[in-house]
Protein backbone atom coordinates (compact mmCIF):
# COMPACT_ATOMS: atom_id res chain seq x y z
CA MET A 1 -12.17 6.13 30.27
CA TYR A 2 -15.14 5.54 27.94
CA ARG A 3 -15.66 9.29 27.43
CA ALA A 4 -11.99 9.73 26.54
CA GLN A 5 -12.27 6.96 23.92
CA GLN A 6 -15.43 8.55 22.51
CA LYS A 7 -13.71 11.92 22.33
CA LYS A 8 -10.70 10.45 20.47
CA MET A 9 -13.05 8.62 18.09
CA GLY A 10 -14.97 11.83 17.45
CA GLU A 11 -11.72 13.70 16.75
CA ALA A 12 -10.61 11.00 14.30
CA VAL A 13 -13.95 11.12 12.46
CA ALA A 14 -13.79 14.92 12.30
CA ARG A 15 -10.22 14.76 10.94
CA VAL A 16 -11.28 12.28 8.20
CA ALA A 17 -14.29 14.42 7.29
CA ARG A 18 -12.15 17.57 7.14
CA LYS A 19 -9.53 15.93 4.90
CA VAL A 20 -12.15 14.46 2.56
CA ASN A 21 -13.98 17.79 2.31
CA GLU A 22 -10.71 19.62 1.54
CA THR A 23 -9.95 17.12 -1.22
CA VAL A 24 -13.43 17.42 -2.74
CA GLU A 25 -13.65 21.22 -2.48
CA ASN A 26 -10.19 21.79 -3.92
CA ARG A 27 -10.52 19.02 -6.50
CA ALA A 28 -7.14 17.90 -5.23
CA GLU A 29 -5.26 14.96 -6.74
CA THR A 30 -4.28 13.69 -3.28
CA LEU A 31 -6.32 12.14 -0.49
CA ASP A 32 -4.29 11.88 2.71
CA LEU A 33 -5.94 9.88 5.47
CA ALA A 34 -2.76 8.83 7.26
CA ASP A 35 -2.83 8.40 11.03
CA CYS A 36 -6.64 8.48 11.28
CA LYS A 37 -7.09 5.17 13.15
CA LEU A 38 -9.16 3.77 10.27
CA MET A 39 -10.03 0.08 10.56
CA THR A 40 -11.81 0.15 7.20
CA PHE A 41 -12.11 2.68 4.42
CA PRO A 42 -15.37 4.50 5.28
CA ILE A 43 -18.16 3.64 2.81
CA CYS A 44 -19.59 7.16 3.04
CA ILE A 45 -16.41 8.52 1.41
CA TYR A 46 -17.26 6.73 -1.84
CA LYS A 47 -20.51 8.70 -2.06
CA VAL A 48 -18.92 12.02 -1.12
CA MET A 49 -16.09 11.58 -3.62
CA ARG A 50 -17.95 9.99 -6.54
CA ASN A 51 -17.63 13.16 -8.66
CA VAL A 52 -13.91 13.62 -8.02
CA SER A 53 -12.60 10.05 -7.59
CA GLU A 54 -11.27 9.92 -11.17
CA GLY A 55 -9.05 12.91 -10.36
CA ILE A 56 -7.49 11.33 -7.27
CA HIS A 57 -3.98 10.18 -8.21
CA VAL A 58 -2.37 9.75 -4.78
CA ILE A 59 -3.90 8.14 -1.70
CA THR A 60 -2.14 7.83 1.64
CA LEU A 61 -3.67 5.53 4.23
CA ALA A 62 -0.45 5.01 6.18
CA ASN A 63 -0.37 4.19 9.87
CA ASN A 64 -3.99 3.20 10.28
CA GLU A 65 -5.45 -0.13 11.40
CA LEU A 66 -6.62 -1.46 8.03
CA LYS A 67 -6.85 -5.24 7.74
CA SER A 68 -7.97 -5.24 4.12
CA VAL A 69 -8.44 -3.12 1.04
CA THR A 70 -11.71 -3.80 -0.76
CA SER A 71 -12.35 -4.25 -4.45
CA THR A 72 -14.71 -1.25 -4.23
CA PHE A 73 -11.81 0.91 -3.06
CA ILE A 74 -9.66 -0.19 -6.01
CA THR A 75 -12.36 0.25 -8.65
CA THR A 76 -13.46 3.62 -7.24
CA PHE A 77 -9.95 5.07 -7.39
CA SER A 78 -8.97 3.53 -10.72
CA GLN A 79 -6.70 6.41 -11.77
CA LEU A 80 -4.23 6.04 -8.89
CA ARG A 81 -0.55 6.73 -9.55
CA GLU A 82 0.61 6.24 -5.95
CA LEU A 83 -0.86 4.22 -3.09
CA ASN A 84 0.65 4.35 0.41
CA LEU A 85 -0.65 1.65 2.75
CA GLU A 86 2.39 1.58 5.05
CA GLY A 87 1.94 0.58 8.68
CA ASN A 88 -1.37 -1.29 8.61
CA TYR A 89 -2.37 -4.94 9.17
CA LEU A 90 -2.75 -5.98 5.53
CA HIS A 91 -1.83 -9.51 4.52
CA ARG A 92 -3.23 -9.61 0.98
CA LEU A 93 -4.53 -7.38 -1.80
CA PRO A 94 -7.72 -7.84 -3.82
CA GLU A 95 -7.40 -9.26 -7.35
CA GLU A 96 -8.79 -5.94 -8.65
CA ILE A 97 -5.44 -4.30 -7.89
CA ARG A 98 -4.52 -5.55 -11.39
CA THR A 99 -6.90 -2.92 -12.81
CA LEU A 100 -4.80 0.02 -11.55
CA LEU A 101 -3.22 0.58 -14.95
CA TYR A 102 -1.56 3.88 -14.02
CA LEU A 103 -0.12 2.85 -10.65
CA LYS A 104 3.58 3.76 -10.46
CA ALA A 105 4.36 3.32 -6.76
CA ILE A 106 2.91 1.21 -3.95
CA ASN A 107 4.09 1.25 -0.35
CA LEU A 108 3.10 -1.84 1.61
CA SER A 109 5.88 -1.65 4.20
CA ARG A 110 5.26 -2.58 7.82
CA ASN A 111 2.22 -4.77 7.16
CA LYS A 112 1.53 -8.49 7.65
CA PHE A 113 2.27 -9.93 4.20
CA ARG A 114 3.57 -13.50 4.29
CA ASN A 115 3.33 -13.91 0.53
CA PHE A 116 4.50 -11.51 -2.12
CA PRO A 117 1.33 -9.94 -3.66
CA GLU A 118 1.77 -11.41 -7.16
CA GLN A 119 -1.10 -9.33 -8.56
CA LEU A 120 1.41 -6.47 -8.62
CA THR A 121 3.44 -8.23 -11.31
CA ALA A 122 0.56 -7.65 -13.75
CA LEU A 123 0.93 -3.86 -13.50
CA ASN A 124 3.09 -2.74 -16.41
CA SER A 125 3.37 0.87 -15.21
CA LEU A 126 4.58 -0.04 -11.70
CA GLU A 127 8.01 1.44 -10.96
CA ILE A 128 8.37 1.14 -7.17
CA ILE A 129 7.24 -1.63 -4.81
CA ASN A 130 7.99 -1.22 -1.10
CA LEU A 131 7.38 -4.34 1.00
CA GLU A 132 9.93 -3.57 3.70
CA GLU A 133 9.37 -5.16 7.11
CA ASN A 134 6.82 -7.84 6.29
CA ASP A 135 7.16 -11.61 6.65
CA ILE A 136 7.87 -12.57 3.02
CA ALA A 137 10.20 -15.49 2.31
CA ASP A 138 9.61 -16.19 -1.37
CA VAL A 139 9.45 -13.73 -4.26
CA PRO A 140 8.37 -14.30 -7.90
CA VAL A 141 11.74 -13.16 -9.26
CA GLU A 142 11.04 -14.22 -12.86
CA LYS A 143 7.74 -12.29 -12.95
CA LEU A 144 9.37 -9.22 -11.44
CA ALA A 145 12.24 -9.46 -13.92
CA SER A 146 9.75 -9.26 -16.80
CA MET A 147 8.21 -6.00 -15.55
CA GLU A 148 9.50 -3.37 -17.97
CA SER A 149 8.91 -0.24 -15.88
CA LEU A 150 10.05 -1.64 -12.52
CA GLN A 151 12.91 0.37 -11.00
CA SER A 152 12.99 -0.64 -7.33
CA VAL A 153 11.70 -3.38 -5.03
CA ASN A 154 12.35 -2.92 -1.31
CA LEU A 155 12.32 -6.21 0.58
CA LYS A 156 14.46 -5.16 3.55
CA LEU A 157 13.67 -6.82 6.87
CA ASN A 158 11.87 -9.81 5.32
CA PRO A 159 12.99 -13.41 5.99
CA LEU A 160 13.87 -14.05 2.33
CA ASN A 161 14.86 -17.53 1.17
CA GLU A 162 18.52 -17.84 0.23
CA GLU A 163 17.53 -18.84 -3.32
CA VAL A 164 15.76 -15.51 -3.80
CA ARG A 165 19.02 -13.74 -3.00
CA VAL A 166 21.04 -15.98 -5.32
CA ILE A 167 18.61 -16.19 -8.27
CA ALA A 168 17.54 -12.55 -8.27
CA ARG A 169 20.82 -10.77 -8.96
CA PRO A 170 21.56 -12.12 -12.46
CA LEU A 171 17.91 -11.91 -13.59
CA ILE A 172 16.88 -8.43 -12.57
CA LYS A 173 17.48 -5.01 -14.05
CA PHE A 174 15.93 -3.05 -11.16
CA ASP A 175 17.25 -2.17 -7.68
CA LEU A 176 16.48 -5.00 -5.26
CA LEU A 177 16.87 -3.74 -1.71
CA VAL A 178 17.39 -6.50 0.85
CA SER A 179 18.79 -6.59 4.36
CA PRO A 180 22.07 -8.31 5.09
CA GLU A 181 21.54 -11.99 5.84
CA GLY A 182 20.44 -12.53 9.41
CA ALA A 183 19.10 -9.00 9.92
CA SER A 184 15.64 -8.78 11.40
CA ALA A 185 13.12 -6.09 12.10
CA ALA A 186 13.14 -4.26 15.38
CA PRO A 187 10.33 -5.41 17.63
CA GLN A 188 7.18 -3.36 17.06
CA VAL A 189 6.00 -1.51 20.12
């Protein structure tokens, strides 16, 4: 059993190393580390990518086991346009997320957010926010309504307060995606 776990861990590390090397060698704009069983963003990647981090515009860390995103991660990849953190265990974002001035889309679906990450409302370039299938009840509707670039906020399968549903419609100019009242997420396996 222990050897099998070690082998899987070694395969995951090799997969991360291969993807990072491909990104660095090709000076790619995308770093895809989805499905790599990451519990944290590996510190060694910052050193390996220091010469190309400004050119990374899309990062996918979907379906890992991340419990947090560090301020170092945000400041290292300051030129991000898209950030996909779907399917992790995140419940908050660092304040430094406000420094991602070029961020257009963020996917935080299927995480553990209980509160809407209000730092996102400070990002003027943000067009798409996906918070589907979290545990969010209250949403800063007025702050979202003042975001000029915002086009879509997905809050499906969240236990939204009734007042969010009632207040939001007349105030917003973006697509607000919500589940029908009473709908709930399918149990996670």
